[in-house]
C-alpha cells in the first residue's frame, strides 16, 4: 500500500514542506511521516480484499508558535483519508548541527488508512 502522494498533499494544504521519514532542510516548521504498520485485512474467497496502514504524521513547530490552526488543518485532511487514532503533542530537545541544544514542539497524528486492493 502506498499513500505517499496523499500524505504529500499536506504540503499544499498547510504550506509547509513535507518529507517521508526525515526532514533534512533548514526551517522551523515542517512535516514528516512514516509507516508504522501495514497489513492485509478482510479476506474473501481466500484472497485479501483490503490493506490497512497506520501512518504517523509529525508536525514540528517552534515552542512558542501557536500551532492549533495547523493542527486542525492536518486533522481535517487526515480524517478524509482515514480514521485518526490519536494526536499527541510535546516539547522535545535535540542537538542541532552546531552542537547547541534546541527545543521544538512535535505534534504526532496517528491515522489508520484502509484501501481496497
PDB file of N, CA and C in Angstrom:
ATOM      1  N   UNK A   1       0.852  -1.170   0.000  1.00  0.00           N
ATOM      2  CA  UNK A   1       0.000   0.000   0.000  1.00  0.00           C
ATOM      3  C   UNK A   1       0.898   1.233   0.000  1.00  0.00           C
ATOM      4  N   UNK A   2       0.596   2.155  -0.866  1.00  0.00           N
ATOM      5  CA  UNK A   2       1.390   3.371  -0.949  1.00  0.00           C
ATOM      6  C   UNK A   2       0.454   4.575  -0.936  1.00  0.00           C
ATOM      7  N   UNK A   3       0.487   5.335   0.151  1.00  0.00           N
ATOM      8  CA  UNK A   3      -0.343   6.538   0.269  1.00  0.00           C
ATOM      9  C   UNK A   3       0.524   7.799   0.326  1.00  0.00           C
ATOM     10  N   UNK A   4       1.767   7.688  -0.138  1.00  0.00           N
ATOM     11  CA  UNK A   4       2.685   8.826  -0.085  1.00  0.00           C
ATOM     12  C   UNK A   4       2.127  10.062  -0.764  1.00  0.00           C
ATOM     13  N   UNK A   5       1.578   9.906  -1.964  1.00  0.00           N
ATOM     14  CA  UNK A   5       1.082  11.078  -2.692  1.00  0.00           C
ATOM     15  C   UNK A   5      -0.066  11.751  -1.937  1.00  0.00           C
ATOM     16  N   UNK A   6      -0.865  10.962  -1.250  1.00  0.00           N
ATOM     17  CA  UNK A   6      -1.969  11.548  -0.480  1.00  0.00           C
ATOM     18  C   UNK A   6      -1.452  12.300   0.744  1.00  0.00           C
ATOM     19  N   UNK A   7      -0.437  11.769   1.399  1.00  0.00           N
ATOM     20  CA  UNK A   7       0.143  12.452   2.559  1.00  0.00           C
ATOM     21  C   UNK A   7       0.902  13.698   2.103  1.00  0.00           C
ATOM     22  N   UNK A   8       1.572  13.613   0.960  1.00  0.00           N
ATOM     23  CA  UNK A   8       2.319  14.764   0.432  1.00  0.00           C
ATOM     24  C   UNK A   8       1.413  15.961   0.162  1.00  0.00           C
ATOM     25  N   UNK A   9       0.108  15.732  -0.037  1.00  0.00           N
ATOM     26  CA  UNK A   9      -0.828  16.839  -0.267  1.00  0.00           C
ATOM     27  C   UNK A   9      -0.913  17.777   0.933  1.00  0.00           C
ATOM     28  N   UNK A  10      -0.423  17.320   2.084  1.00  0.00           N
ATOM     29  CA  UNK A  10      -0.380  18.202   3.253  1.00  0.00           C
ATOM     30  C   UNK A  10       0.476  19.441   2.971  1.00  0.00           C
ATOM     31  N   UNK A  11       1.414  19.326   2.036  1.00  0.00           N
ATOM     32  CA  UNK A  11       2.245  20.470   1.665  1.00  0.00           C
ATOM     33  C   UNK A  11       1.387  21.575   1.054  1.00  0.00           C
ATOM     34  N   UNK A  12       0.453  21.200   0.173  1.00  0.00           N
ATOM     35  CA  UNK A  12      -0.467  22.172  -0.431  1.00  0.00           C
ATOM     36  C   UNK A  12      -1.418  22.755   0.614  1.00  0.00           C
ATOM     37  N   UNK A  13      -1.884  21.914   1.492  1.00  0.00           N
ATOM     38  CA  UNK A  13      -2.886  22.325   2.480  1.00  0.00           C
ATOM     39  C   UNK A  13      -2.297  23.259   3.531  1.00  0.00           C
ATOM     40  N   UNK A  14      -1.100  22.938   4.025  1.00  0.00           N
ATOM     41  CA  UNK A  14      -0.511  23.705   5.124  1.00  0.00           C
ATOM     42  C   UNK A  14       0.510  24.745   4.679  1.00  0.00           C
ATOM     43  N   UNK A  15       1.061  24.565   3.475  1.00  0.00           N
ATOM     44  CA  UNK A  15       2.129  25.447   3.023  1.00  0.00           C
ATOM     45  C   UNK A  15       3.481  25.101   3.625  1.00  0.00           C
ATOM     46  N   UNK A  16       3.564  23.975   4.345  1.00  0.00           N
ATOM     47  CA  UNK A  16       4.814  23.545   4.972  1.00  0.00           C
ATOM     48  C   UNK A  16       5.465  22.448   4.145  1.00  0.00           C
ATOM     49  N   UNK A  17       6.797  22.352   4.176  1.00  0.00           N
ATOM     50  CA  UNK A  17       7.455  21.242   3.495  1.00  0.00           C
ATOM     51  C   UNK A  17       7.098  19.914   4.169  1.00  0.00           C
ATOM     52  N   UNK A  18       6.905  18.888   3.339  1.00  0.00           N
ATOM     53  CA  UNK A  18       6.548  17.548   3.824  1.00  0.00           C
ATOM     54  C   UNK A  18       7.573  16.568   3.285  1.00  0.00           C
ATOM     55  N   UNK A  19       8.064  15.699   4.158  1.00  0.00           N
ATOM     56  CA  UNK A  19       9.105  14.762   3.768  1.00  0.00           C
ATOM     57  C   UNK A  19       8.869  13.409   4.432  1.00  0.00           C
ATOM     58  N   UNK A  20       9.062  12.306   3.678  1.00  0.00           N
ATOM     59  CA  UNK A  20       8.972  10.997   4.328  1.00  0.00           C
ATOM     60  C   UNK A  20      10.160  10.781   5.260  1.00  0.00           C
ATOM     61  N   UNK A  21       9.892  10.253   6.409  1.00  0.00           N
ATOM     62  CA  UNK A  21      10.888   9.802   7.387  1.00  0.00           C
ATOM     63  C   UNK A  21      11.702  10.902   8.052  1.00  0.00           C
ATOM     64  N   UNK A  22      12.468  11.666   7.305  1.00  0.00           N
ATOM     65  CA  UNK A  22      13.414  12.590   7.911  1.00  0.00           C
ATOM     66  C   UNK A  22      13.462  13.888   7.114  1.00  0.00           C
ATOM     67  N   UNK A  23      13.383  15.002   7.804  1.00  0.00           N
ATOM     68  CA  UNK A  23      13.474  16.318   7.171  1.00  0.00           C
ATOM     69  C   UNK A  23      14.907  16.800   7.311  1.00  0.00           C
ATOM     70  N   UNK A  24      15.564  17.096   6.196  1.00  0.00           N
ATOM     71  CA  UNK A  24      16.988  17.433   6.242  1.00  0.00           C
ATOM     72  C   UNK A  24      17.292  18.849   5.774  1.00  0.00           C
ATOM     73  N   UNK A  25      16.289  19.721   5.730  1.00  0.00           N
ATOM     74  CA  UNK A  25      16.491  21.081   5.257  1.00  0.00           C
ATOM     75  C   UNK A  25      16.364  22.055   6.419  1.00  0.00           C
ATOM     76  N   UNK A  26      16.692  23.300   6.168  1.00  0.00           N
ATOM     77  CA  UNK A  26      16.524  24.324   7.196  1.00  0.00           C
ATOM     78  C   UNK A  26      15.068  24.756   7.249  1.00  0.00           C
ATOM     79  N   UNK A  27      14.597  25.042   8.413  1.00  0.00           N
ATOM     80  CA  UNK A  27      13.226  25.502   8.582  1.00  0.00           C
ATOM     81  C   UNK A  27      12.748  25.195   9.978  1.00  0.00           C
ATOM     82  N   UNK A  28      11.902  26.060  10.497  1.00  0.00           N
ATOM     83  CA  UNK A  28      11.429  25.873  11.864  1.00  0.00           C
ATOM     84  C   UNK A  28      10.061  25.188  11.924  1.00  0.00           C
ATOM     85  N   UNK A  29       9.377  25.091  10.772  1.00  0.00           N
ATOM     86  CA  UNK A  29       8.080  24.416  10.719  1.00  0.00           C
ATOM     87  C   UNK A  29       8.111  23.453   9.528  1.00  0.00           C
ATOM     88  N   UNK A  30       7.792  22.195   9.799  1.00  0.00           N
ATOM     89  CA  UNK A  30       7.792  21.203   8.732  1.00  0.00           C
ATOM     90  C   UNK A  30       7.026  19.964   9.189  1.00  0.00           C
ATOM     91  N   UNK A  31       6.792  19.053   8.237  1.00  0.00           N
ATOM     92  CA  UNK A  31       6.035  17.827   8.490  1.00  0.00           C
ATOM     93  C   UNK A  31       6.849  16.641   7.966  1.00  0.00           C
ATOM     94  N   UNK A  32       6.888  15.572   8.754  1.00  0.00           N
ATOM     95  CA  UNK A  32       7.431  14.297   8.284  1.00  0.00           C
ATOM     96  C   UNK A  32       6.355  13.234   8.482  1.00  0.00           C
ATOM     97  N   UNK A  33       6.544  12.096   7.831  1.00  0.00           N
ATOM     98  CA  UNK A  33       5.604  10.983   8.031  1.00  0.00           C
ATOM     99  C   UNK A  33       6.330   9.664   7.830  1.00  0.00           C
ATOM    100  N   UNK A  34       5.796   8.627   8.474  1.00  0.00           N
ATOM    101  CA  UNK A  34       6.323   7.285   8.295  1.00  0.00           C
ATOM    102  C   UNK A  34       5.212   6.261   8.490  1.00  0.00           C
ATOM    103  N   UNK A  35       5.423   5.109   7.889  1.00  0.00           N
ATOM    104  CA  UNK A  35       4.514   3.975   8.041  1.00  0.00           C
ATOM    105  C   UNK A  35       4.919   3.247   9.311  1.00  0.00           C
ATOM    106  N   UNK A  36       4.011   3.125  10.262  1.00  0.00           N
ATOM    107  CA  UNK A  36       4.343   2.408  11.489  1.00  0.00           C
ATOM    108  C   UNK A  36       3.805   0.976  11.483  1.00  0.00           C
ATOM    109  N   UNK A  37       2.839   0.703  10.612  1.00  0.00           N
ATOM    110  CA  UNK A  37       2.292  -0.647  10.498  1.00  0.00           C
ATOM    111  C   UNK A  37       1.591  -0.754   9.156  1.00  0.00           C
ATOM    112  N   UNK A  38       1.666  -1.918   8.565  1.00  0.00           N
ATOM    113  CA  UNK A  38       0.953  -2.174   7.316  1.00  0.00           C
ATOM    114  C   UNK A  38       0.621  -3.651   7.260  1.00  0.00           C
ATOM    115  N   UNK A  39      -0.635  -3.961   6.932  1.00  0.00           N
ATOM    116  CA  UNK A  39      -1.044  -5.368   6.938  1.00  0.00           C
ATOM    117  C   UNK A  39      -2.266  -5.579   6.053  1.00  0.00           C
ATOM    118  N   UNK A  40      -2.411  -6.793   5.537  1.00  0.00           N
ATOM    119  CA  UNK A  40      -3.635  -7.134   4.812  1.00  0.00           C
ATOM    120  C   UNK A  40      -4.757  -7.385   5.817  1.00  0.00           C
ATOM    121  N   UNK A  41      -5.953  -6.975   5.459  1.00  0.00           N
ATOM    122  CA  UNK A  41      -7.123  -7.236   6.304  1.00  0.00           C
ATOM    123  C   UNK A  41      -8.299  -7.605   5.410  1.00  0.00           C
ATOM    124  N   UNK A  42      -9.337  -8.154   5.969  1.00  0.00           N
ATOM    125  CA  UNK A  42     -10.575  -8.528   5.289  1.00  0.00           C
ATOM    126  C   UNK A  42     -10.310  -9.440   4.094  1.00  0.00           C
ATOM    127  N   UNK A  43     -10.586 -10.704   4.292  1.00  0.00           N
ATOM    128  CA  UNK A  43     -10.385 -11.691   3.244  1.00  0.00           C
ATOM    129  C   UNK A  43     -11.726 -12.199   2.741  1.00  0.00           C
ATOM    130  N   UNK A  44     -11.741 -12.591   1.510  1.00  0.00           N
ATOM    131  CA  UNK A  44     -12.908 -13.224   0.909  1.00  0.00           C
ATOM    132  C   UNK A  44     -12.432 -14.179  -0.163  1.00  0.00           C
ATOM    133  N   UNK A  45     -12.976 -15.375  -0.187  1.00  0.00           N
ATOM    134  CA  UNK A  45     -12.552 -16.401  -1.148  1.00  0.00           C
ATOM    135  C   UNK A  45     -11.043 -16.596  -1.116  1.00  0.00           C
ATOM    136  N   UNK A  46     -10.486 -16.651   0.099  1.00  0.00           N
ATOM    137  CA  UNK A  46      -9.046 -16.873   0.311  1.00  0.00           C
ATOM    138  C   UNK A  46      -8.164 -15.808  -0.336  1.00  0.00           C
ATOM    139  N   UNK A  47      -8.701 -14.619  -0.499  1.00  0.00           N
ATOM    140  CA  UNK A  47      -7.956 -13.505  -1.090  1.00  0.00           C
ATOM    141  C   UNK A  47      -8.087 -12.282  -0.194  1.00  0.00           C
ATOM    142  N   UNK A  48      -6.981 -11.565  -0.043  1.00  0.00           N
ATOM    143  CA  UNK A  48      -7.033 -10.316   0.716  1.00  0.00           C
ATOM    144  C   UNK A  48      -7.830  -9.290  -0.072  1.00  0.00           C
ATOM    145  N   UNK A  49      -8.786  -8.668   0.587  1.00  0.00           N
ATOM    146  CA  UNK A  49      -9.625  -7.682  -0.090  1.00  0.00           C
ATOM    147  C   UNK A  49      -9.190  -6.249   0.207  1.00  0.00           C
ATOM    148  N   UNK A  50      -8.595  -6.008   1.390  1.00  0.00           N
ATOM    149  CA  UNK A  50      -8.201  -4.656   1.790  1.00  0.00           C
ATOM    150  C   UNK A  50      -6.828  -4.692   2.453  1.00  0.00           C
ATOM    151  N   UNK A  51      -6.127  -3.591   2.339  1.00  0.00           N
ATOM    152  CA  UNK A  51      -4.884  -3.375   3.067  1.00  0.00           C
ATOM    153  C   UNK A  51      -5.096  -2.217   4.026  1.00  0.00           C
ATOM    154  N   UNK A  52      -4.392  -2.264   5.125  1.00  0.00           N
ATOM    155  CA  UNK A  52      -4.512  -1.205   6.124  1.00  0.00           C
ATOM    156  C   UNK A  52      -3.107  -0.762   6.539  1.00  0.00           C
ATOM    157  N   UNK A  53      -2.929   0.549   6.641  1.00  0.00           N
ATOM    158  CA  UNK A  53      -1.649   1.100   7.087  1.00  0.00           C
ATOM    159  C   UNK A  53      -1.906   2.099   8.206  1.00  0.00           C
ATOM    160  N   UNK A  54      -0.998   2.127   9.155  1.00  0.00           N
ATOM    161  CA  UNK A  54      -1.006   3.165  10.171  1.00  0.00           C
ATOM    162  C   UNK A  54       0.143   4.101   9.830  1.00  0.00           C
ATOM    163  N   UNK A  55      -0.206   5.342   9.612  1.00  0.00           N
ATOM    164  CA  UNK A  55       0.770   6.361   9.233  1.00  0.00           C
ATOM    165  C   UNK A  55       0.907   7.337  10.388  1.00  0.00           C
ATOM    166  N   UNK A  56       2.147   7.642  10.734  1.00  0.00           N
ATOM    167  CA  UNK A  56       2.401   8.649  11.768  1.00  0.00           C
ATOM    168  C   UNK A  56       2.860   9.917  11.060  1.00  0.00           C
ATOM    169  N   UNK A  57       2.079  10.978  11.238  1.00  0.00           N
ATOM    170  CA  UNK A  57       2.398  12.282  10.655  1.00  0.00           C
ATOM    171  C   UNK A  57       2.905  13.163  11.790  1.00  0.00           C
ATOM    172  N   UNK A  58       4.094  13.740  11.605  1.00  0.00           N
ATOM    173  CA  UNK A  58       4.735  14.561  12.634  1.00  0.00           C
ATOM    174  C   UNK A  58       4.759  16.018  12.191  1.00  0.00           C
ATOM    175  N   UNK A  59       4.173  16.882  12.971  1.00  0.00           N
ATOM    176  CA  UNK A  59       4.245  18.324  12.734  1.00  0.00           C
ATOM    177  C   UNK A  59       5.266  18.900  13.703  1.00  0.00           C
ATOM    178  N   UNK A  60       6.272  19.591  13.180  1.00  0.00           N
ATOM    179  CA  UNK A  60       7.302  20.223  14.005  1.00  0.00           C
ATOM    180  C   UNK A  60       7.134  21.738  13.916  1.00  0.00           C
ATOM    181  N   UNK A  61       7.062  22.391  15.072  1.00  0.00           N
ATOM    182  CA  UNK A  61       6.906  23.853  15.129  1.00  0.00           C
ATOM    183  C   UNK A  61       7.760  24.397  16.273  1.00  0.00           C
ATOM    184  N   UNK A  62       8.079  25.702  16.221  1.00  0.00           N
ATOM    185  CA  UNK A  62       8.802  26.309  17.338  1.00  0.00           C
ATOM    186  C   UNK A  62       7.972  26.225  18.627  1.00  0.00           C
ATOM    187  N   UNK A  63       8.622  26.195  19.776  1.00  0.00           N
ATOM    188  CA  UNK A  63       7.918  26.005  21.048  1.00  0.00           C
ATOM    189  C   UNK A  63       6.823  27.033  21.332  1.00  0.00           C
ATOM    190  N   UNK A  64       7.038  28.282  20.973  1.00  0.00           N
ATOM    191  CA  UNK A  64       6.053  29.324  21.300  1.00  0.00           C
ATOM    192  C   UNK A  64       5.090  29.614  20.146  1.00  0.00           C
ATOM    193  N   UNK A  65       5.194  28.875  19.060  1.00  0.00           N
ATOM    194  CA  UNK A  65       4.324  29.064  17.903  1.00  0.00           C
ATOM    195  C   UNK A  65       2.922  28.539  18.223  1.00  0.00           C
ATOM    196  N   UNK A  66       1.886  29.307  17.882  1.00  0.00           N
ATOM    197  CA  UNK A  66       0.508  28.858  18.090  1.00  0.00           C
ATOM    198  C   UNK A  66       0.156  27.886  16.952  1.00  0.00           C
ATOM    199  N   UNK A  67       0.287  26.593  17.222  1.00  0.00           N
ATOM    200  CA  UNK A  67       0.163  25.552  16.207  1.00  0.00           C
ATOM    201  C   UNK A  67      -1.262  25.022  16.028  1.00  0.00           C
ATOM    202  N   UNK A  68      -2.220  25.541  16.783  1.00  0.00           N
ATOM    203  CA  UNK A  68      -3.572  24.969  16.779  1.00  0.00           C
ATOM    204  C   UNK A  68      -4.248  25.007  15.402  1.00  0.00           C
ATOM    205  N   UNK A  69      -4.108  26.091  14.653  1.00  0.00           N
ATOM    206  CA  UNK A  69      -4.739  26.170  13.333  1.00  0.00           C
ATOM    207  C   UNK A  69      -4.153  25.105  12.404  1.00  0.00           C
ATOM    208  N   UNK A  70      -2.825  24.949  12.432  1.00  0.00           N
ATOM    209  CA  UNK A  70      -2.182  23.908  11.620  1.00  0.00           C
ATOM    210  C   UNK A  70      -2.644  22.524  12.052  1.00  0.00           C
ATOM    211  N   UNK A  71      -2.730  22.318  13.349  1.00  0.00           N
ATOM    212  CA  UNK A  71      -3.165  21.026  13.878  1.00  0.00           C
ATOM    213  C   UNK A  71      -4.543  20.657  13.329  1.00  0.00           C
ATOM    214  N   UNK A  72      -5.452  21.611  13.309  1.00  0.00           N
ATOM    215  CA  UNK A  72      -6.810  21.316  12.838  1.00  0.00           C
ATOM    216  C   UNK A  72      -6.868  21.160  11.319  1.00  0.00           C
ATOM    217  N   UNK A  73      -6.031  21.900  10.581  1.00  0.00           N
ATOM    218  CA  UNK A  73      -5.957  21.694   9.130  1.00  0.00           C
ATOM    219  C   UNK A  73      -5.520  20.262   8.831  1.00  0.00           C
ATOM    220  N   UNK A  74      -4.498  19.821   9.523  1.00  0.00           N
ATOM    221  CA  UNK A  74      -3.971  18.471   9.310  1.00  0.00           C
ATOM    222  C   UNK A  74      -5.003  17.429   9.719  1.00  0.00           C
ATOM    223  N   UNK A  75      -5.627  17.617  10.871  1.00  0.00           N
ATOM    224  CA  UNK A  75      -6.644  16.663  11.323  1.00  0.00           C
ATOM    225  C   UNK A  75      -7.798  16.568  10.329  1.00  0.00           C
ATOM    226  N   UNK A  76      -8.277  17.707   9.848  1.00  0.00           N
ATOM    227  CA  UNK A  76      -9.394  17.702   8.891  1.00  0.00           C
ATOM    228  C   UNK A  76      -9.045  16.904   7.638  1.00  0.00           C
ATOM    229  N   UNK A  77      -7.820  17.092   7.132  1.00  0.00           N
ATOM    230  CA  UNK A  77      -7.422  16.362   5.925  1.00  0.00           C
ATOM    231  C   UNK A  77      -7.237  14.870   6.217  1.00  0.00           C
ATOM    232  N   UNK A  78      -6.587  14.536   7.304  1.00  0.00           N
ATOM    233  CA  UNK A  78      -6.347  13.129   7.621  1.00  0.00           C
ATOM    234  C   UNK A  78      -7.656  12.377   7.855  1.00  0.00           C
ATOM    235  N   UNK A  79      -8.667  13.056   8.375  1.00  0.00           N
ATOM    236  CA  UNK A  79      -9.974  12.407   8.568  1.00  0.00           C
ATOM    237  C   UNK A  79     -10.623  12.043   7.238  1.00  0.00           C
ATOM    238  N   UNK A  80     -10.258  12.736   6.169  1.00  0.00           N
ATOM    239  CA  UNK A  80     -10.745  12.380   4.831  1.00  0.00           C
ATOM    240  C   UNK A  80     -10.083  11.076   4.376  1.00  0.00           C
ATOM    241  N   UNK A  81      -8.813  10.909   4.721  1.00  0.00           N
ATOM    242  CA  UNK A  81      -8.064   9.723   4.299  1.00  0.00           C
ATOM    243  C   UNK A  81      -8.381   8.483   5.113  1.00  0.00           C
ATOM    244  N   UNK A  82      -8.707   8.667   6.385  1.00  0.00           N
ATOM    245  CA  UNK A  82      -8.941   7.510   7.246  1.00  0.00           C
ATOM    246  C   UNK A  82      -9.394   7.925   8.623  1.00  0.00           C
ATOM    247  N   UNK A  83      -9.093   7.083   9.588  1.00  0.00           N
ATOM    248  CA  UNK A  83      -9.516   7.299  10.973  1.00  0.00           C
ATOM    249  C   UNK A  83      -8.323   7.737  11.813  1.00  0.00           C
ATOM    250  N   UNK A  84      -8.467   8.864  12.493  1.00  0.00           N
ATOM    251  CA  UNK A  84      -7.391   9.323  13.371  1.00  0.00           C
ATOM    252  C   UNK A  84      -7.458   8.520  14.656  1.00  0.00           C
ATOM    253  N   UNK A  85      -6.348   7.862  14.968  1.00  0.00           N
ATOM    254  CA  UNK A  85      -6.269   7.001  16.145  1.00  0.00           C
ATOM    255  C   UNK A  85      -5.822   7.780  17.375  1.00  0.00           C
ATOM    256  N   UNK A  86      -5.227   8.957  17.177  1.00  0.00           N
ATOM    257  CA  UNK A  86      -4.795   9.765  18.304  1.00  0.00           C
ATOM    258  C   UNK A  86      -3.906  10.903  17.852  1.00  0.00           C
ATOM    259  N   UNK A  87      -3.834  11.935  18.693  1.00  0.00           N
ATOM    260  CA  UNK A  87      -2.963  13.084  18.458  1.00  0.00           C
ATOM    261  C   UNK A  87      -2.250  13.375  19.769  1.00  0.00           C
ATOM    262  N   UNK A  88      -0.926  13.485  19.710  1.00  0.00           N
ATOM    263  CA  UNK A  88      -0.125  13.798  20.884  1.00  0.00           C
ATOM    264  C   UNK A  88       0.765  14.983  20.562  1.00  0.00           C
ATOM    265  N   UNK A  89       1.126  15.751  21.585  1.00  0.00           N
ATOM    266  CA  UNK A  89       2.000  16.898  21.375  1.00  0.00           C
ATOM    267  C   UNK A  89       2.876  17.106  22.605  1.00  0.00           C
ATOM    268  N   UNK A  90       4.141  17.445  22.379  1.00  0.00           N
ATOM    269  CA  UNK A  90       5.060  17.722  23.472  1.00  0.00           C
ATOM    270  C   UNK A  90       6.244  18.516  22.952  1.00  0.00           C
ATOM    271  N   UNK A  91       7.009  19.073  23.881  1.00  0.00           N
ATOM    272  CA  UNK A  91       8.259  19.750  23.548  1.00  0.00           C
ATOM    273  C   UNK A  91       9.392  18.747  23.696  1.00  0.00           C
ATOM    274  N   UNK A  92      10.321  18.768  22.752  1.00  0.00           N
ATOM    275  CA  UNK A  92      11.491  17.895  22.865  1.00  0.00           C
ATOM    276  C   UNK A  92      12.747  18.688  22.539  1.00  0.00           C
ATOM    277  N   UNK A  93      13.828  18.277  23.159  1.00  0.00           N
ATOM    278  CA  UNK A  93      15.114  18.941  22.980  1.00  0.00           C
ATOM    279  C   UNK A  93      16.023  18.027  22.170  1.00  0.00           C
ATOM    280  N   UNK A  94      16.767  18.623  21.252  1.00  0.00           N
ATOM    281  CA  UNK A  94      17.690  17.860  20.421  1.00  0.00           C
ATOM    282  C   UNK A  94      18.958  18.670  20.208  1.00  0.00           C
ATOM    283  N   UNK A  95      20.004  18.023  19.752  1.00  0.00           N
ATOM    284  CA  UNK A  95      21.255  18.697  19.445  1.00  0.00           C
ATOM    285  C   UNK A  95      21.296  18.982  17.952  1.00  0.00           C
ATOM    286  N   UNK A  96      21.428  20.249  17.607  1.00  0.00           N
ATOM    287  CA  UNK A  96      21.430  20.670  16.212  1.00  0.00           C
ATOM    288  C   UNK A  96      22.826  20.531  15.606  1.00  0.00           C
ATOM    289  N   UNK A  97      22.943  20.859  14.317  1.00  0.00           N
ATOM    290  CA  UNK A  97      24.211  20.741  13.599  1.00  0.00           C
ATOM    291  C   UNK A  97      25.344  21.506  14.283  1.00  0.00           C
ATOM    292  N   UNK A  98      25.015  22.611  14.909  1.00  0.00           N
ATOM    293  CA  UNK A  98      26.037  23.444  15.561  1.00  0.00           C
ATOM    294  C   UNK A  98      26.352  22.970  16.989  1.00  0.00           C
ATOM    295  N   UNK A  99      25.888  21.774  17.337  1.00  0.00           N
ATOM    296  CA  UNK A  99      26.091  21.168  18.662  1.00  0.00           C
ATOM    297  C   UNK A  99      25.447  21.955  19.800  1.00  0.00           C
ATOM    298  N   UNK A 100      24.494  22.809  19.487  1.00  0.00           N
ATOM    299  CA  UNK A 100      23.731  23.511  20.513  1.00  0.00           C
ATOM    300  C   UNK A 100      22.397  22.813  20.690  1.00  0.00           C
ATOM    301  N   UNK A 101      21.940  22.740  21.918  1.00  0.00           N
ATOM    302  CA  UNK A 101      20.632  22.139  22.173  1.00  0.00           C
ATOM    303  C   UNK A 101      19.533  23.099  21.732  1.00  0.00           C
ATOM    304  N   UNK A 102      18.520  22.545  21.068  1.00  0.00           N
ATOM    305  CA  UNK A 102      17.365  23.318  20.639  1.00  0.00           C
ATOM    306  C   UNK A 102      16.101  22.578  21.069  1.00  0.00           C
ATOM    307  N   UNK A 103      15.044  23.335  21.229  1.00  0.00           N
ATOM    308  CA  UNK A 103      13.763  22.749  21.610  1.00  0.00           C
ATOM    309  C   UNK A 103      12.764  22.990  20.486  1.00  0.00           C
ATOM    310  N   UNK A 104      11.941  21.982  20.227  1.00  0.00           N
ATOM    311  CA  UNK A 104      10.923  22.074  19.190  1.00  0.00           C
ATOM    312  C   UNK A 104       9.664  21.369  19.695  1.00  0.00           C
ATOM    313  N   UNK A 105       8.517  21.800  19.206  1.00  0.00           N
ATOM    314  CA  UNK A 105       7.266  21.105  19.540  1.00  0.00           C
ATOM    315  C   UNK A 105       7.005  20.060  18.467  1.00  0.00           C
ATOM    316  N   UNK A 106       6.760  18.838  18.902  1.00  0.00           N
ATOM    317  CA  UNK A 106       6.374  17.759  17.992  1.00  0.00           C
ATOM    318  C   UNK A 106       4.924  17.404  18.269  1.00  0.00           C
ATOM    319  N   UNK A 107       4.109  17.425  17.233  1.00  0.00           N
ATOM    320  CA  UNK A 107       2.715  17.002  17.324  1.00  0.00           C
ATOM    321  C   UNK A 107       2.562  15.808  16.390  1.00  0.00           C
ATOM    322  N   UNK A 108       2.132  14.693  16.946  1.00  0.00           N
ATOM    323  CA  UNK A 108       2.031  13.452  16.178  1.00  0.00           C
ATOM    324  C   UNK A 108       0.563  13.084  15.977  1.00  0.00           C
ATOM    325  N   UNK A 109       0.239  12.780  14.730  1.00  0.00           N
ATOM    326  CA  UNK A 109      -1.089  12.305  14.338  1.00  0.00           C
ATOM    327  C   UNK A 109      -0.920  10.865  13.884  1.00  0.00           C
ATOM    328  N   UNK A 110      -1.666   9.967  14.467  1.00  0.00           N
ATOM    329  CA  UNK A 110      -1.655   8.576  14.049  1.00  0.00           C
ATOM    330  C   UNK A 110      -2.950   8.328  13.285  1.00  0.00           C
ATOM    331  N   UNK A 111      -2.839   7.971  11.998  1.00  0.00           N
ATOM    332  CA  UNK A 111      -4.020   7.791  11.168  1.00  0.00           C
ATOM    333  C   UNK A 111      -4.023   6.382  10.584  1.00  0.00           C
ATOM    334  N   UNK A 112      -5.185   5.744  10.627  1.00  0.00           N
ATOM    335  CA  UNK A 112      -5.363   4.400  10.073  1.00  0.00           C
ATOM    336  C   UNK A 112      -6.060   4.550   8.719  1.00  0.00           C
ATOM    337  N   UNK A 113      -5.392   4.087   7.669  1.00  0.00           N
ATOM    338  CA  UNK A 113      -5.919   4.209   6.317  1.00  0.00           C
ATOM    339  C   UNK A 113      -6.164   2.813   5.769  1.00  0.00           C
ATOM    340  N   UNK A 114      -7.370   2.575   5.269  1.00  0.00           N
ATOM    341  CA  UNK A 114      -7.743   1.282   4.706  1.00  0.00           C
ATOM    342  C   UNK A 114      -8.090   1.474   3.236  1.00  0.00           C
ATOM    343  N   UNK A 115      -7.505   0.630   2.385  1.00  0.00           N
ATOM    344  CA  UNK A 115      -7.738   0.723   0.939  1.00  0.00           C
ATOM    345  C   UNK A 115      -8.055  -0.650   0.368  1.00  0.00           C
ATOM    346  N   UNK A 116      -8.957  -0.651  -0.592  1.00  0.00           N
ATOM    347  CA  UNK A 116      -9.272  -1.885  -1.297  1.00  0.00           C
ATOM    348  C   UNK A 116      -8.121  -2.248  -2.209  1.00  0.00           C
ATOM    349  N   UNK A 117      -7.830  -3.536  -2.307  1.00  0.00           N
ATOM    350  CA  UNK A 117      -6.756  -3.991  -3.218  1.00  0.00           C
ATOM    351  C   UNK A 117      -7.188  -3.954  -4.639  1.00  0.00           C
TER     352      UNK A 117
END
